[in-house]
Amino acid sequence: MRFWPSKLLFKHPTWFLPVLGLLLIVPLALAFQYKPALPGYQYQFPQDHASHPNFKTEWWYYTGHLQTPQGKQYGYELTFFRIGNDPKAVQENNASPWNTNNLYAAHFALSDENGKTFHYNEKLNRTGLNVAGSRTDTYYVWNELWLAEMLGKQMALRADSPDGKQEIHLLLSSEKPPVIHGQSGVSQKASCMGCASHYYSLTRLKTEGLLLLEGKAYPVSGLSWMDHEFGSNQLAKNQQGWDWFSVQLNDNTELMLYLLRQDNGRIDPNSSGTVVYADGHSRHLSLKDFTVQNSGPQWTSPASKGTYPMGWKVSIPSEELTLNITPAFENQELFTAGSTGVSYWEGSSQVEGRKKGQTVQGQAYVEMTGYAAQSVKGKL
């Protein structure tokens, strides 16, 4: 679902001062030369894992749940954002090493569920001299030493903290084909034409690798989820934030939901979701097909002063499914003054509920944006 480096840049400029300072050199009229996300797009895999520079914004988003042989539980997030600022350079296919027509941000977060501690790191770079970038011929995206790439039929991830205290080296193998969200090849985010993204997920990625903590390596295994979106103009002016859920259940099914919140407090009718069945086929959900209710206490961030809900009840009557989603712990907020300048909560969560009369359990990641009363001030 993660589409925030676009319309919110202009609706809430203080959230994106680092990005805004770099983009002001480009006339706003150029933004309209990027390709919009329109119905009829035909996905091709594995090619669509690679970069799409004809679209203004693009992101590759990994979240996952890891376990050591000793039973310790960790959640992780690794995300790469590409924001185009010169469509003319894309059209001219400028291959110069000094080309700076894209801005790249990246976030890496680790949730220690046993110790209830949260660590996150961020990067912000331009494309010049290959400090950061993404390839169009194959899946390879990087920001300094952080990377995600295709190795045969597997994906490899690497990220670390500047102090060397947290580091991941992971190999991911998809157990299901890509799941395309939305309808007619687009995930609609607002009612206007082109206010959408091309959005797909790998919803069940078997994960193995190493987690390095304080210089000591721990073998880990678990499940990950990958989102990839690309588009050019998504949110409308009256939309202030969203809640996004990715759920992996122990019956080999998955669920993605997002709720777009308008500035009048109402849920936008373009909110939607996807059910993914055990055999890999999926079903689109419109807003009328599901409900999400806040069911837990609230938590106020000492950093951003934003107040977030800390529990949800999800109901999908047509699937005879009710779920209770509970965060592993409260403080999983990223306060990204050094990159995008936006405060958002993205955290590992547990799931339990009932499905067709049977008990189900699972794990989830939840993302919440637009709750911070005062956004961070970025560095230009």
Protein backbone atom coordinates (compact mmCIF):
# COMPACT_ATOMS: atom_id res chain seq x y z
CA MET A 1 0.00 0.00 0.00
CA ARG A 2 2.88 2.35 0.72
CA PHE A 3 2.30 5.38 -1.51
CA TRP A 4 3.16 8.35 0.68
CA PRO A 5 6.03 10.05 -1.23
CA SER A 6 3.53 11.62 -3.66
CA LYS A 7 0.44 13.73 -2.94
CA LEU A 8 1.18 14.10 0.77
CA LEU A 9 4.35 15.93 -0.22
CA PHE A 10 2.15 18.86 -1.17
CA LYS A 11 -0.61 18.42 1.41
CA HIS A 12 1.76 18.21 4.40
CA PRO A 13 5.02 19.83 3.25
CA THR A 14 6.65 19.79 6.68
CA TRP A 15 6.60 16.02 6.52
CA PHE A 16 8.84 16.04 3.49
CA LEU A 17 11.24 18.94 3.85
CA PRO A 18 14.30 16.88 2.92
CA VAL A 19 12.61 15.67 -0.25
CA LEU A 20 10.99 19.01 -0.99
CA GLY A 21 14.26 20.90 -0.78
CA LEU A 22 15.76 18.65 -3.42
CA LEU A 23 12.73 18.73 -5.70
CA LEU A 24 12.13 22.48 -5.75
CA ILE A 25 14.70 22.86 -8.49
CA VAL A 26 12.34 21.08 -10.87
CA PRO A 27 9.37 22.99 -12.33
CA LEU A 28 6.13 21.48 -11.09
CA ALA A 29 4.84 21.23 -14.65
CA LEU A 30 7.36 18.49 -15.34
CA ALA A 31 5.57 16.17 -12.90
CA PHE A 32 2.70 15.80 -15.34
CA GLN A 33 5.00 14.27 -17.92
CA TYR A 34 5.38 11.12 -15.88
CA LYS A 35 3.19 8.20 -16.89
CA PRO A 36 -0.03 7.80 -14.86
CA ALA A 37 -1.21 4.45 -13.52
CA LEU A 38 -4.21 3.62 -15.70
CA PRO A 39 -6.44 0.56 -16.12
CA GLY A 40 -5.30 -2.11 -18.53
CA TYR A 41 -1.73 -2.52 -17.38
CA GLN A 42 -0.40 -5.99 -18.18
CA TYR A 43 2.08 -7.28 -15.61
CA GLN A 44 5.07 -9.34 -16.68
CA PHE A 45 7.16 -11.22 -14.16
CA PRO A 46 9.96 -11.23 -13.25
CA GLN A 47 10.44 -8.07 -15.34
CA ASP A 48 8.02 -5.99 -13.24
CA HIS A 49 10.15 -6.51 -10.14
CA ALA A 50 12.63 -4.11 -11.78
CA SER A 51 12.47 -0.32 -11.84
CA HIS A 52 9.86 1.72 -13.77
CA PRO A 53 11.43 5.18 -14.25
CA ASN A 54 8.56 6.40 -16.46
CA PHE A 55 6.49 6.63 -13.26
CA LYS A 56 7.26 9.36 -10.74
CA THR A 57 7.18 7.29 -7.53
CA GLU A 58 8.07 3.69 -6.86
CA TRP A 59 8.81 1.62 -3.78
CA TRP A 60 9.86 -1.89 -2.86
CA TYR A 61 8.70 -2.75 0.64
CA TYR A 62 9.66 -5.77 2.72
CA THR A 63 8.28 -6.70 6.12
CA GLY A 64 8.76 -10.00 7.89
CA HIS A 65 8.85 -12.11 11.03
CA LEU A 66 12.04 -13.90 12.02
CA GLN A 67 12.82 -16.49 14.69
CA THR A 68 16.13 -17.76 16.06
CA PRO A 69 16.67 -21.44 16.96
CA GLN A 70 16.37 -20.35 20.60
CA GLY A 71 12.85 -19.04 19.96
CA LYS A 72 13.52 -15.30 20.01
CA GLN A 73 11.16 -13.33 17.78
CA TYR A 74 11.99 -10.35 15.59
CA GLY A 75 10.11 -8.27 13.06
CA TYR A 76 11.88 -6.36 10.31
CA GLU A 77 11.13 -3.72 7.69
CA LEU A 78 13.37 -2.88 4.73
CA THR A 79 12.06 -0.35 2.22
CA PHE A 80 13.45 1.39 -0.85
CA PHE A 81 11.80 4.48 -2.35
CA ARG A 82 12.48 6.04 -5.75
CA ILE A 83 11.15 9.55 -6.44
CA GLY A 84 11.65 10.94 -9.93
CA ASN A 85 12.37 14.64 -10.37
CA ASP A 86 13.23 14.96 -14.07
CA PRO A 87 11.04 13.15 -16.60
CA LYS A 88 12.96 14.80 -19.43
CA ALA A 89 16.07 12.88 -18.36
CA VAL A 90 14.05 9.65 -18.47
CA GLN A 91 12.87 10.40 -21.99
CA GLU A 92 16.43 11.17 -23.11
CA ASN A 93 17.69 7.97 -21.45
CA ASN A 94 20.53 9.85 -19.77
CA ALA A 95 23.11 7.24 -18.74
CA SER A 96 25.69 9.68 -17.36
CA PRO A 97 27.18 8.72 -13.95
CA TRP A 98 26.36 12.29 -12.87
CA ASN A 99 22.67 11.80 -13.63
CA THR A 100 20.62 12.86 -10.60
CA ASN A 101 17.10 12.50 -12.01
CA ASN A 102 15.93 10.28 -9.13
CA LEU A 103 15.96 10.61 -5.37
CA TYR A 104 16.29 7.45 -3.28
CA ALA A 105 15.23 7.04 0.34
CA ALA A 106 15.44 3.82 2.37
CA HIS A 107 14.35 2.65 5.83
CA PHE A 108 15.51 -0.34 7.86
CA ALA A 109 13.79 -1.21 11.13
CA LEU A 110 14.10 -4.11 13.56
CA SER A 111 11.56 -5.00 16.26
CA ASP A 112 12.87 -7.13 19.13
CA GLU A 113 9.61 -8.67 20.27
CA ASN A 114 11.04 -10.35 23.37
CA GLY A 115 12.95 -7.30 24.55
CA LYS A 116 10.25 -4.90 23.26
CA THR A 117 12.82 -2.59 21.69
CA PHE A 118 12.69 -0.92 18.30
CA HIS A 119 15.60 0.26 16.15
CA TYR A 120 15.40 2.04 12.81
CA ASN A 121 17.79 3.60 10.33
CA GLU A 122 17.35 5.69 7.20
CA LYS A 123 19.16 6.84 4.08
CA LEU A 124 18.60 9.60 1.52
CA ASN A 125 20.67 9.86 -1.67
CA ARG A 126 20.51 10.91 -5.30
CA THR A 127 21.45 8.61 -8.16
CA GLY A 128 24.73 10.33 -9.06
CA LEU A 129 27.86 8.13 -9.11
CA ASN A 130 25.77 5.03 -8.32
CA VAL A 131 25.46 5.81 -4.61
CA ALA A 132 21.84 4.69 -4.92
CA GLY A 133 19.75 3.40 -7.78
CA SER A 134 17.63 0.70 -9.37
CA ARG A 135 18.03 -1.25 -12.59
CA THR A 136 15.43 -1.55 -15.31
CA ASP A 137 16.68 -4.78 -16.90
CA THR A 138 16.66 -6.90 -13.75
CA TYR A 139 15.61 -6.58 -10.13
CA TYR A 140 18.39 -4.78 -8.30
CA VAL A 141 17.81 -1.76 -6.06
CA TRP A 142 20.32 -0.29 -3.63
CA ASN A 143 21.05 2.64 -1.36
CA GLU A 144 24.71 2.69 -0.38
CA LEU A 145 25.31 -0.85 1.01
CA TRP A 146 21.64 -1.70 1.53
CA LEU A 147 20.22 -3.76 -1.32
CA ALA A 148 17.51 -6.02 -2.65
CA GLU A 149 18.20 -8.17 -5.69
CA MET A 150 17.07 -11.21 -7.61
CA LEU A 151 19.37 -14.24 -7.40
CA GLY A 152 17.88 -16.88 -9.65
CA LYS A 153 14.45 -17.58 -8.19
CA GLN A 154 15.32 -16.07 -4.81
CA MET A 155 15.52 -12.50 -3.53
CA ALA A 156 18.44 -11.37 -1.40
CA LEU A 157 18.24 -8.55 1.16
CA ARG A 158 20.98 -6.77 3.03
CA ALA A 159 20.86 -3.85 5.46
CA ASP A 160 22.73 -2.64 8.52
CA SER A 161 22.83 0.15 11.07
CA PRO A 162 25.65 2.71 10.93
CA ASP A 163 26.95 1.58 14.33
CA GLY A 164 27.02 -2.07 13.22
CA LYS A 165 24.72 -3.19 16.02
CA GLN A 166 21.95 -4.53 13.75
CA GLU A 167 22.36 -6.21 10.39
CA ILE A 168 20.35 -8.60 8.20
CA HIS A 169 21.42 -10.93 5.39
CA LEU A 170 18.34 -12.75 4.10
CA LEU A 171 17.31 -15.04 1.24
CA LEU A 172 13.61 -15.08 0.31
CA SER A 173 11.79 -17.72 -1.74
CA SER A 174 8.22 -17.06 -2.84
CA GLU A 175 5.77 -19.86 -2.11
CA LYS A 176 3.03 -18.22 -4.22
CA PRO A 177 2.90 -16.27 -7.48
CA PRO A 178 2.60 -12.46 -7.38
CA VAL A 179 -0.80 -11.19 -6.24
CA ILE A 180 -2.07 -8.17 -8.19
CA HIS A 181 -4.18 -5.77 -6.13
CA GLY A 182 -7.11 -3.70 -7.30
CA GLN A 183 -8.98 -4.13 -10.56
CA SER A 184 -7.96 -3.90 -14.23
CA GLY A 185 -4.31 -3.66 -13.26
CA VAL A 186 -4.61 -0.63 -10.96
CA SER A 187 -5.07 -0.09 -7.25
CA GLN A 188 -7.28 3.00 -7.08
CA LYS A 189 -6.49 5.43 -4.24
CA ALA A 190 -8.83 8.31 -5.14
CA SER A 191 -11.67 8.90 -7.60
CA CYS A 192 -9.68 10.95 -10.12
CA MET A 193 -8.21 9.33 -13.24
CA GLY A 194 -4.61 8.30 -12.62
CA CYS A 195 -4.94 8.64 -8.83
CA ALA A 196 -3.80 5.06 -8.52
CA SER A 197 -0.81 2.76 -8.54
CA HIS A 198 0.20 -0.50 -10.12
CA TYR A 199 0.48 -2.63 -7.00
CA TYR A 200 1.33 -6.27 -6.42
CA SER A 201 2.65 -8.35 -3.52
CA LEU A 202 4.54 -11.52 -2.81
CA THR A 203 2.51 -12.50 0.22
CA ARG A 204 4.34 -15.60 1.49
CA LEU A 205 8.11 -15.51 1.22
CA LYS A 206 9.98 -18.28 3.00
CA THR A 207 12.89 -16.51 4.66
CA GLU A 208 16.26 -17.74 5.90
CA GLY A 209 19.50 -16.01 6.73
CA LEU A 210 21.50 -14.27 9.41
CA LEU A 211 20.63 -11.57 11.92
CA LEU A 212 23.66 -9.82 13.41
CA LEU A 213 23.24 -8.16 16.79
CA GLU A 214 26.10 -6.46 18.62
CA GLY A 215 28.57 -8.29 16.38
CA LYS A 216 27.12 -11.77 17.01
CA ALA A 217 25.42 -13.70 14.20
CA TYR A 218 22.17 -15.61 14.74
CA PRO A 219 20.61 -17.90 12.12
CA VAL A 220 16.99 -16.95 11.54
CA SER A 221 14.02 -18.27 9.59
CA GLY A 222 10.47 -17.12 9.06
CA LEU A 223 8.07 -15.48 6.61
CA SER A 224 8.28 -12.18 4.76
CA TRP A 225 5.95 -10.07 2.62
CA MET A 226 6.97 -7.88 -0.33
CA ASP A 227 5.01 -4.93 -1.75
CA HIS A 228 5.97 -3.21 -4.99
CA GLU A 229 4.09 -0.15 -6.24
CA PHE A 230 4.66 2.40 -8.97
CA GLY A 231 2.57 5.35 -10.11
CA SER A 232 2.67 9.11 -10.53
CA ASN A 233 -0.32 10.73 -8.83
CA GLN A 234 -2.24 8.91 -6.15
CA LEU A 235 -3.73 10.75 -3.19
CA ALA A 236 -6.39 13.45 -3.30
CA LYS A 237 -6.23 16.69 -1.30
CA ASN A 238 -8.89 15.59 1.20
CA GLN A 239 -7.05 12.40 2.21
CA GLN A 240 -4.92 12.71 5.33
CA GLY A 241 -3.57 9.22 6.00
CA TRP A 242 -4.18 5.50 5.97
CA ASP A 243 -4.05 2.24 7.89
CA TRP A 244 -2.54 -0.73 6.04
CA PHE A 245 -2.58 -4.37 7.12
CA SER A 246 -0.72 -7.41 5.77
CA VAL A 247 -1.80 -10.65 7.45
CA GLN A 248 -0.33 -14.15 7.09
CA LEU A 249 -2.49 -16.89 8.63
CA ASN A 250 -1.44 -20.39 9.65
CA ASP A 251 -3.86 -21.96 7.16
CA ASN A 252 -1.63 -20.74 4.30
CA THR A 253 -3.86 -17.78 3.39
CA GLU A 254 -3.11 -14.06 3.45
CA LEU A 255 -4.98 -10.79 3.63
CA MET A 256 -4.14 -7.20 2.62
CA LEU A 257 -6.37 -4.28 3.62
CA TYR A 258 -5.98 -0.53 3.50
CA LEU A 259 -8.23 2.19 4.87
CA LEU A 260 -7.77 5.70 3.49
CA ARG A 261 -8.82 8.38 5.97
CA GLN A 262 -10.27 11.68 4.80
CA ASP A 263 -9.64 14.94 6.67
CA ASN A 264 -13.30 14.96 7.79
CA GLY A 265 -12.73 11.68 9.67
CA ARG A 266 -14.55 9.47 7.17
CA ILE A 267 -13.14 6.41 5.44
CA ASP A 268 -12.57 7.03 1.74
CA PRO A 269 -14.68 4.77 -0.52
CA ASN A 270 -11.59 3.84 -2.53
CA SER A 271 -10.28 1.82 0.43
CA SER A 272 -9.97 -1.84 -0.49
CA GLY A 273 -8.18 -5.12 0.05
CA THR A 274 -7.32 -8.57 -1.24
CA VAL A 275 -7.84 -12.10 0.09
CA VAL A 276 -5.20 -14.62 -1.02
CA TYR A 277 -6.19 -18.28 -0.86
CA ALA A 278 -4.01 -21.29 -0.13
CA ASP A 279 -3.64 -22.19 -3.82
CA GLY A 280 -2.45 -18.67 -4.68
CA HIS A 281 -5.54 -17.28 -6.38
CA SER A 282 -6.96 -14.06 -4.95
CA ARG A 283 -10.15 -12.06 -4.57
CA HIS A 284 -10.54 -8.28 -4.58
CA LEU A 285 -12.37 -6.70 -1.64
CA SER A 286 -14.16 -3.36 -1.87
CA LEU A 287 -14.86 -1.31 1.25
CA LYS A 288 -18.35 -2.80 1.60
CA ASP A 289 -16.83 -6.28 1.95
CA PHE A 290 -14.96 -5.72 5.23
CA THR A 291 -14.84 -3.71 8.44
CA VAL A 292 -11.93 -2.66 10.63
CA GLN A 293 -12.61 -1.40 14.15
CA ASN A 294 -10.13 -0.02 16.66
CA SER A 295 -10.31 -2.45 19.57
CA GLY A 296 -7.33 -1.75 21.81
CA PRO A 297 -5.90 1.12 23.83
CA GLN A 298 -4.19 4.13 22.29
CA TRP A 299 -0.51 5.02 22.45
CA THR A 300 0.99 8.50 22.18
CA SER A 301 4.46 8.79 20.72
CA PRO A 302 6.93 10.75 22.85
CA ALA A 303 8.78 11.69 19.63
CA SER A 304 6.06 12.87 17.24
CA LYS A 305 3.21 13.38 19.77
CA GLY A 306 1.00 11.40 17.42
CA THR A 307 -1.65 9.17 19.01
CA TYR A 308 -2.12 5.75 17.41
CA PRO A 309 -4.66 2.94 17.95
CA MET A 310 -3.07 -0.23 19.33
CA GLY A 311 -5.48 -2.99 18.34
CA TRP A 312 -7.96 -3.83 15.58
CA LYS A 313 -10.86 -6.16 14.92
CA VAL A 314 -11.20 -7.16 11.27
CA SER A 315 -14.35 -8.77 9.89
CA ILE A 316 -14.97 -10.18 6.39
CA PRO A 317 -18.47 -11.74 6.50
CA SER A 318 -18.26 -13.37 3.06
CA GLU A 319 -15.15 -15.28 4.21
CA GLU A 320 -16.68 -16.07 7.63
CA LEU A 321 -13.55 -14.46 9.05
CA THR A 322 -13.00 -12.35 12.15
CA LEU A 323 -9.52 -11.43 13.33
CA ASN A 324 -8.03 -9.60 16.28
CA ILE A 325 -4.71 -7.90 15.49
CA THR A 326 -2.48 -6.83 18.38
CA PRO A 327 0.92 -5.08 18.12
CA ALA A 328 3.89 -6.96 19.57
CA PHE A 329 4.59 -3.77 21.54
CA GLU A 330 3.66 -0.10 21.27
CA ASN A 331 6.69 1.93 20.23
CA GLN A 332 7.35 0.89 16.63
CA GLU A 333 7.22 4.39 15.17
CA LEU A 334 9.73 5.67 12.61
CA PHE A 335 10.59 9.36 13.10
CA THR A 336 12.50 9.91 9.87
CA ALA A 337 14.03 13.39 10.09
CA GLY A 338 17.05 12.28 8.06
CA SER A 339 15.21 11.08 4.94
CA THR A 340 11.50 11.58 4.20
CA GLY A 341 10.80 13.67 7.29
CA VAL A 342 7.54 11.85 8.02
CA SER A 343 6.44 10.15 11.24
CA TYR A 344 4.69 6.83 10.72
CA TRP A 345 4.05 3.68 12.75
CA GLU A 346 4.97 0.35 11.18
CA GLY A 347 5.04 -2.62 13.47
CA SER A 348 5.07 -6.36 13.92
CA SER A 349 1.77 -7.70 15.24
CA GLN A 350 0.09 -10.96 16.24
CA VAL A 351 -3.21 -12.29 14.92
CA GLU A 352 -5.85 -14.63 16.28
CA GLY A 353 -9.46 -15.21 15.30
CA ARG A 354 -12.09 -17.46 13.78
CA LYS A 355 -12.52 -18.63 10.20
CA LYS A 356 -15.45 -20.75 9.08
CA GLY A 357 -15.94 -21.85 12.67
CA GLN A 358 -12.30 -22.80 13.25
CA THR A 359 -9.59 -21.06 15.26
CA VAL A 360 -6.88 -19.35 13.21
CA GLN A 361 -3.68 -17.64 14.21
CA GLY A 362 -1.04 -15.71 12.36
CA GLN A 363 1.16 -12.69 12.13
CA ALA A 364 0.82 -9.26 10.60
CA TYR A 365 2.44 -5.96 9.87
CA VAL A 366 0.47 -2.75 10.32
CA GLU A 367 1.32 0.67 8.90
CA MET A 368 -0.34 3.88 10.11
CA THR A 369 0.26 7.36 8.68
CA GLY A 370 -1.29 10.77 9.28
CA TYR A 371 -1.64 10.42 13.06
CA ALA A 372 1.24 12.66 14.14
CA ALA A 373 -0.05 16.01 15.38
CA GLN A 374 3.27 17.71 14.60
CA SER A 375 5.49 16.25 11.91
CA VAL A 376 9.23 16.26 12.16
CA LYS A 377 11.36 18.97 10.65
CA GLY A 378 13.71 17.54 8.11
CA LYS A 379 17.21 18.58 7.20
CA LEU A 380 17.73 20.32 3.86
